[in-house]
Amino acid sequence: MKKPQKIVGTSLMAMLTAVSIVLVYFIHLPLIPGFAFLEYDPADIPVLIGAMMLGPVSGILILFAVCVIQALTVSAASGWIGFVMHFVASSVLVLIPSIIYRRKKTIPSLILGLVLGVIAMTAVMIPLNLIFTGIFMGTGVQTVASLLIPAIIPFNLAKAAINAVVTFVVFTPLSKILPRYTVV
């Protein structure tokens, strides 16, 4: 990558990281009544857009920066557990569609990648919740397991799906003008 392209790419990554943090700071709301600790936030949308624009590695770098900043500020109460869960789950959501889209930059590829990313993130969150949520909440695995069907799985599916749909709606028109500004 040439030096001006690196500067543009790095600037886009920084901007998308900032947008992600602003979004999580202002928008975080419970999706499932009765389970207020399961809060939706749109932080993954700018990360997904960055991964589609700049590639999977850049997407993961943006995500890492977002996770660190979020863990130290907005979500400081969740500590290292929140950081690990956010980074692993969102990595799956970001990597799958960005790898698929990078191979074939078409709308059907984007849709396929986003759908597979949503399913994979939801699946990855099952063992992550069984391992870490009990530790974080001070309850056992049995308590967390009892929440999987009524709360945790629907929440993760809804969160990932909302982020994927919004990403699609925002990124699709952007993808038409991106060839002029390609930095990868």
C-alpha atoms as a PDB file:
ATOM      1  CA  MET A   1       0.000   0.000   0.000  1.00  0.00           C
ATOM      2  CA  LYS A   2       1.345   3.435  -0.908  1.00  0.00           C
ATOM      3  CA  LYS A   3       1.889   6.026   1.807  1.00  0.00           C
ATOM      4  CA  PRO A   4      -1.155   8.232   0.902  1.00  0.00           C
ATOM      5  CA  GLN A   5      -3.343   5.111   0.860  1.00  0.00           C
ATOM      6  CA  LYS A   6      -2.022   4.099   4.292  1.00  0.00           C
ATOM      7  CA  ILE A   7      -2.847   7.554   5.635  1.00  0.00           C
ATOM      8  CA  VAL A   8      -6.377   7.391   4.212  1.00  0.00           C
ATOM      9  CA  GLY A   9      -6.867   3.852   5.540  1.00  0.00           C
ATOM     10  CA  THR A  10      -5.570   4.736   8.996  1.00  0.00           C
ATOM     11  CA  SER A  11      -7.729   7.865   9.080  1.00  0.00           C
ATOM     12  CA  LEU A  12     -10.819   5.860   8.124  1.00  0.00           C
ATOM     13  CA  MET A  13     -10.044   3.307  10.828  1.00  0.00           C
ATOM     14  CA  ALA A  14      -9.682   6.042  13.453  1.00  0.00           C
ATOM     15  CA  MET A  15     -12.877   7.754  12.318  1.00  0.00           C
ATOM     16  CA  LEU A  16     -14.876   4.500  12.368  1.00  0.00           C
ATOM     17  CA  THR A  17     -13.490   3.665  15.815  1.00  0.00           C
ATOM     18  CA  ALA A  18     -14.632   7.069  17.084  1.00  0.00           C
ATOM     19  CA  VAL A  19     -18.088   6.678  15.516  1.00  0.00           C
ATOM     20  CA  SER A  20     -18.425   3.249  17.123  1.00  0.00           C
ATOM     21  CA  ILE A  21     -17.570   4.601  20.580  1.00  0.00           C
ATOM     22  CA  VAL A  22     -19.972   7.529  20.201  1.00  0.00           C
ATOM     23  CA  LEU A  23     -22.752   5.152  19.160  1.00  0.00           C
ATOM     24  CA  VAL A  24     -22.220   2.824  22.127  1.00  0.00           C
ATOM     25  CA  TYR A  25     -22.028   5.797  24.477  1.00  0.00           C
ATOM     26  CA  PHE A  26     -25.380   7.204  23.369  1.00  0.00           C
ATOM     27  CA  ILE A  27     -27.285   4.094  22.314  1.00  0.00           C
ATOM     28  CA  HIS A  28     -27.515   1.113  24.624  1.00  0.00           C
ATOM     29  CA  LEU A  29     -30.900  -0.281  25.483  1.00  0.00           C
ATOM     30  CA  PRO A  30     -32.353  -3.583  26.636  1.00  0.00           C
ATOM     31  CA  LEU A  31     -33.955  -5.684  23.893  1.00  0.00           C
ATOM     32  CA  ILE A  32     -35.563  -8.416  26.006  1.00  0.00           C
ATOM     33  CA  PRO A  33     -38.015  -7.289  28.702  1.00  0.00           C
ATOM     34  CA  GLY A  34     -37.020  -8.603  32.099  1.00  0.00           C
ATOM     35  CA  PHE A  35     -33.349  -9.029  31.165  1.00  0.00           C
ATOM     36  CA  ALA A  36     -31.994  -5.478  31.409  1.00  0.00           C
ATOM     37  CA  PHE A  37     -28.378  -6.679  31.541  1.00  0.00           C
ATOM     38  CA  LEU A  38     -28.668  -7.738  27.886  1.00  0.00           C
ATOM     39  CA  GLU A  39     -28.270  -4.339  26.232  1.00  0.00           C
ATOM     40  CA  TYR A  40     -28.193  -3.680  22.505  1.00  0.00           C
ATOM     41  CA  ASP A  41     -25.596  -1.267  21.178  1.00  0.00           C
ATOM     42  CA  PRO A  42     -24.761  -0.427  17.552  1.00  0.00           C
ATOM     43  CA  ALA A  43     -20.976  -0.391  18.051  1.00  0.00           C
ATOM     44  CA  ASP A  44     -20.426  -3.195  15.527  1.00  0.00           C
ATOM     45  CA  ILE A  45     -21.976  -1.266  12.615  1.00  0.00           C
ATOM     46  CA  PRO A  46     -18.991   1.055  11.948  1.00  0.00           C
ATOM     47  CA  VAL A  47     -16.653  -1.897  12.528  1.00  0.00           C
ATOM     48  CA  LEU A  48     -18.505  -3.973   9.927  1.00  0.00           C
ATOM     49  CA  ILE A  49     -18.459  -1.078   7.466  1.00  0.00           C
ATOM     50  CA  GLY A  50     -14.720  -0.642   8.047  1.00  0.00           C
ATOM     51  CA  ALA A  51     -14.109  -4.334   7.470  1.00  0.00           C
ATOM     52  CA  MET A  52     -16.056  -4.217   4.202  1.00  0.00           C
ATOM     53  CA  MET A  53     -14.199  -1.088   3.050  1.00  0.00           C
ATOM     54  CA  LEU A  54     -10.690  -1.889   4.228  1.00  0.00           C
ATOM     55  CA  GLY A  55     -10.615  -5.660   4.655  1.00  0.00           C
ATOM     56  CA  PRO A  56     -10.848  -8.186   7.496  1.00  0.00           C
ATOM     57  CA  VAL A  57      -7.539  -7.283   9.171  1.00  0.00           C
ATOM     58  CA  SER A  58      -8.468  -3.608   9.355  1.00  0.00           C
ATOM     59  CA  GLY A  59     -11.903  -4.595  10.663  1.00  0.00           C
ATOM     60  CA  ILE A  60     -10.314  -6.579  13.493  1.00  0.00           C
ATOM     61  CA  LEU A  61      -7.948  -3.703  14.306  1.00  0.00           C
ATOM     62  CA  ILE A  62     -10.901  -1.297  14.473  1.00  0.00           C
ATOM     63  CA  LEU A  63     -12.776  -3.783  16.659  1.00  0.00           C
ATOM     64  CA  PHE A  64      -9.813  -4.212  18.999  1.00  0.00           C
ATOM     65  CA  ALA A  65      -9.510  -0.439  19.478  1.00  0.00           C
ATOM     66  CA  VAL A  66     -13.264  -0.160  20.078  1.00  0.00           C
ATOM     67  CA  CYS A  67     -13.220  -3.011  22.604  1.00  0.00           C
ATOM     68  CA  VAL A  68     -10.311  -1.522  24.534  1.00  0.00           C
ATOM     69  CA  ILE A  69     -11.835   1.964  24.656  1.00  0.00           C
ATOM     70  CA  GLN A  70     -15.285   0.614  25.513  1.00  0.00           C
ATOM     71  CA  ALA A  71     -13.866  -1.646  28.249  1.00  0.00           C
ATOM     72  CA  LEU A  72     -12.065   1.306  29.839  1.00  0.00           C
ATOM     73  CA  THR A  73     -14.962   3.768  29.588  1.00  0.00           C
ATOM     74  CA  VAL A  74     -18.594   2.983  28.765  1.00  0.00           C
ATOM     75  CA  SER A  75     -18.502  -0.680  29.820  1.00  0.00           C
ATOM     76  CA  ALA A  76     -15.865  -0.493  32.549  1.00  0.00           C
ATOM     77  CA  ALA A  77     -18.133  -2.393  34.959  1.00  0.00           C
ATOM     78  CA  SER A  78     -17.939  -5.530  32.803  1.00  0.00           C
ATOM     79  CA  GLY A  79     -14.128  -5.499  32.956  1.00  0.00           C
ATOM     80  CA  TRP A  80     -12.038  -8.095  31.187  1.00  0.00           C
ATOM     81  CA  ILE A  81     -14.993 -10.445  30.782  1.00  0.00           C
ATOM     82  CA  GLY A  82     -16.929  -7.868  28.787  1.00  0.00           C
ATOM     83  CA  PHE A  83     -13.845  -7.165  26.696  1.00  0.00           C
ATOM     84  CA  VAL A  84     -13.260 -10.844  25.859  1.00  0.00           C
ATOM     85  CA  MET A  85     -16.912 -11.564  25.084  1.00  0.00           C
ATOM     86  CA  HIS A  86     -17.295  -8.450  22.925  1.00  0.00           C
ATOM     87  CA  PHE A  87     -14.062  -9.020  21.036  1.00  0.00           C
ATOM     88  CA  VAL A  88     -14.619 -12.721  20.323  1.00  0.00           C
ATOM     89  CA  ALA A  89     -18.300 -12.399  19.370  1.00  0.00           C
ATOM     90  CA  SER A  90     -17.845  -9.319  17.223  1.00  0.00           C
ATOM     91  CA  SER A  91     -14.732 -10.800  15.574  1.00  0.00           C
ATOM     92  CA  VAL A  92     -16.891 -13.620  14.263  1.00  0.00           C
ATOM     93  CA  LEU A  93     -19.547 -11.172  13.089  1.00  0.00           C
ATOM     94  CA  VAL A  94     -16.916  -9.018  11.355  1.00  0.00           C
ATOM     95  CA  LEU A  95     -14.611 -11.652   9.877  1.00  0.00           C
ATOM     96  CA  ILE A  96     -17.134 -13.880   8.122  1.00  0.00           C
ATOM     97  CA  PRO A  97     -18.890 -11.239   6.004  1.00  0.00           C
ATOM     98  CA  SER A  98     -15.707  -9.279   5.302  1.00  0.00           C
ATOM     99  CA  ILE A  99     -13.853 -12.385   4.076  1.00  0.00           C
ATOM    100  CA  ILE A 100     -16.788 -13.442   1.891  1.00  0.00           C
ATOM    101  CA  TYR A 101     -17.300  -9.919   0.548  1.00  0.00           C
ATOM    102  CA  ARG A 102     -13.576  -9.433  -0.112  1.00  0.00           C
ATOM    103  CA  ARG A 103     -13.547 -12.528  -2.366  1.00  0.00           C
ATOM    104  CA  LYS A 104     -16.542 -11.422  -4.413  1.00  0.00           C
ATOM    105  CA  LYS A 105     -17.730  -7.847  -4.002  1.00  0.00           C
ATOM    106  CA  THR A 106     -21.403  -8.314  -4.845  1.00  0.00           C
ATOM    107  CA  ILE A 107     -24.645  -7.667  -3.002  1.00  0.00           C
ATOM    108  CA  PRO A 108     -25.480 -11.407  -2.776  1.00  0.00           C
ATOM    109  CA  SER A 109     -22.011 -12.054  -1.271  1.00  0.00           C
ATOM    110  CA  LEU A 110     -22.553  -9.270   1.225  1.00  0.00           C
ATOM    111  CA  ILE A 111     -25.960 -10.666   2.216  1.00  0.00           C
ATOM    112  CA  LEU A 112     -24.607 -14.214   2.505  1.00  0.00           C
ATOM    113  CA  GLY A 113     -21.685 -13.050   4.616  1.00  0.00           C
ATOM    114  CA  LEU A 114     -23.863 -10.989   6.938  1.00  0.00           C
ATOM    115  CA  VAL A 115     -26.373 -13.838   7.407  1.00  0.00           C
ATOM    116  CA  LEU A 116     -23.588 -16.345   8.128  1.00  0.00           C
ATOM    117  CA  GLY A 117     -21.941 -13.833  10.471  1.00  0.00           C
ATOM    118  CA  VAL A 118     -25.176 -13.381  12.440  1.00  0.00           C
ATOM    119  CA  ILE A 119     -25.639 -17.144  12.786  1.00  0.00           C
ATOM    120  CA  ALA A 120     -21.998 -17.729  13.737  1.00  0.00           C
ATOM    121  CA  MET A 121     -21.953 -14.918  16.304  1.00  0.00           C
ATOM    122  CA  THR A 122     -25.121 -16.263  17.918  1.00  0.00           C
ATOM    123  CA  ALA A 123     -23.608 -19.758  18.041  1.00  0.00           C
ATOM    124  CA  VAL A 124     -20.274 -18.536  19.477  1.00  0.00           C
ATOM    125  CA  MET A 125     -22.067 -16.621  22.211  1.00  0.00           C
ATOM    126  CA  ILE A 126     -23.622 -19.801  23.628  1.00  0.00           C
ATOM    127  CA  PRO A 127     -20.377 -21.251  25.040  1.00  0.00           C
ATOM    128  CA  LEU A 128     -19.022 -17.781  25.838  1.00  0.00           C
ATOM    129  CA  ASN A 129     -22.091 -17.050  27.948  1.00  0.00           C
ATOM    130  CA  LEU A 130     -21.934 -20.458  29.635  1.00  0.00           C
ATOM    131  CA  ILE A 131     -18.295 -19.860  30.543  1.00  0.00           C
ATOM    132  CA  PHE A 132     -18.194 -16.149  31.397  1.00  0.00           C
ATOM    133  CA  THR A 133     -21.668 -14.889  32.306  1.00  0.00           C
ATOM    134  CA  GLY A 134     -21.889 -17.104  35.378  1.00  0.00           C
ATOM    135  CA  ILE A 135     -18.542 -15.741  36.562  1.00  0.00           C
ATOM    136  CA  PHE A 136     -19.553 -12.139  35.850  1.00  0.00           C
ATOM    137  CA  MET A 137     -22.973 -12.419  37.497  1.00  0.00           C
ATOM    138  CA  GLY A 138     -21.781 -14.621  40.353  1.00  0.00           C
ATOM    139  CA  THR A 139     -24.178 -17.412  39.416  1.00  0.00           C
ATOM    140  CA  GLY A 140     -23.519 -20.917  38.221  1.00  0.00           C
ATOM    141  CA  VAL A 141     -23.595 -22.401  34.758  1.00  0.00           C
ATOM    142  CA  GLN A 142     -27.065 -23.836  35.452  1.00  0.00           C
ATOM    143  CA  THR A 143     -28.524 -20.358  35.906  1.00  0.00           C
ATOM    144  CA  VAL A 144     -26.966 -19.166  32.672  1.00  0.00           C
ATOM    145  CA  ALA A 145     -28.068 -22.332  30.851  1.00  0.00           C
ATOM    146  CA  SER A 146     -31.646 -21.668  31.961  1.00  0.00           C
ATOM    147  CA  LEU A 147     -31.442 -18.217  30.326  1.00  0.00           C
ATOM    148  CA  LEU A 148     -30.149 -19.427  26.946  1.00  0.00           C
ATOM    149  CA  ILE A 149     -33.492 -20.117  25.242  1.00  0.00           C
ATOM    150  CA  PRO A 150     -35.653 -17.350  26.721  1.00  0.00           C
ATOM    151  CA  ALA A 151     -33.082 -14.530  26.683  1.00  0.00           C
ATOM    152  CA  ILE A 152     -29.467 -15.028  25.626  1.00  0.00           C
ATOM    153  CA  ILE A 153     -29.914 -16.684  22.220  1.00  0.00           C
ATOM    154  CA  PRO A 154     -32.777 -14.388  21.112  1.00  0.00           C
ATOM    155  CA  PHE A 155     -30.824 -11.343  22.300  1.00  0.00           C
ATOM    156  CA  ASN A 156     -27.628 -12.265  20.439  1.00  0.00           C
ATOM    157  CA  LEU A 157     -29.576 -13.166  17.311  1.00  0.00           C
ATOM    158  CA  ALA A 158     -31.496  -9.858  17.443  1.00  0.00           C
ATOM    159  CA  LYS A 159     -28.407  -7.757  18.197  1.00  0.00           C
ATOM    160  CA  ALA A 160     -26.357  -9.286  15.405  1.00  0.00           C
ATOM    161  CA  ALA A 161     -29.277  -9.150  12.959  1.00  0.00           C
ATOM    162  CA  ILE A 162     -30.021  -5.482  13.680  1.00  0.00           C
ATOM    163  CA  ASN A 163     -26.349  -4.600  13.217  1.00  0.00           C
ATOM    164  CA  ALA A 164     -26.166  -6.637  10.004  1.00  0.00           C
ATOM    165  CA  VAL A 165     -29.317  -5.066   8.520  1.00  0.00           C
ATOM    166  CA  VAL A 166     -28.209  -1.519   9.358  1.00  0.00           C
ATOM    167  CA  THR A 167     -24.747  -2.281   7.958  1.00  0.00           C
ATOM    168  CA  PHE A 168     -26.323  -3.540   4.742  1.00  0.00           C
ATOM    169  CA  VAL A 169     -28.553  -0.455   4.431  1.00  0.00           C
ATOM    170  CA  VAL A 170     -25.646   1.942   5.042  1.00  0.00           C
ATOM    171  CA  PHE A 171     -22.910   0.062   3.196  1.00  0.00           C
ATOM    172  CA  THR A 172     -24.808  -0.815   0.002  1.00  0.00           C
ATOM    173  CA  PRO A 173     -24.935   2.767  -1.325  1.00  0.00           C
ATOM    174  CA  LEU A 174     -21.356   3.348  -0.111  1.00  0.00           C
ATOM    175  CA  SER A 175     -20.116   0.330  -2.056  1.00  0.00           C
ATOM    176  CA  LYS A 176     -21.128   2.027  -5.302  1.00  0.00           C
ATOM    177  CA  ILE A 177     -18.779   4.955  -4.708  1.00  0.00           C
ATOM    178  CA  LEU A 178     -15.969   3.050  -2.975  1.00  0.00           C
ATOM    179  CA  PRO A 179     -14.044   2.102  -6.115  1.00  0.00           C
ATOM    180  CA  ARG A 180     -13.095   5.776  -6.455  1.00  0.00           C
ATOM    181  CA  TYR A 181     -11.702   5.787  -2.930  1.00  0.00           C
ATOM    182  CA  THR A 182     -10.272   2.282  -2.664  1.00  0.00           C
ATOM    183  CA  VAL A 183      -7.470   2.120  -0.145  1.00  0.00           C
ATOM    184  CA  VAL A 184      -6.923  -1.653  -0.155  1.00  0.00           C
END
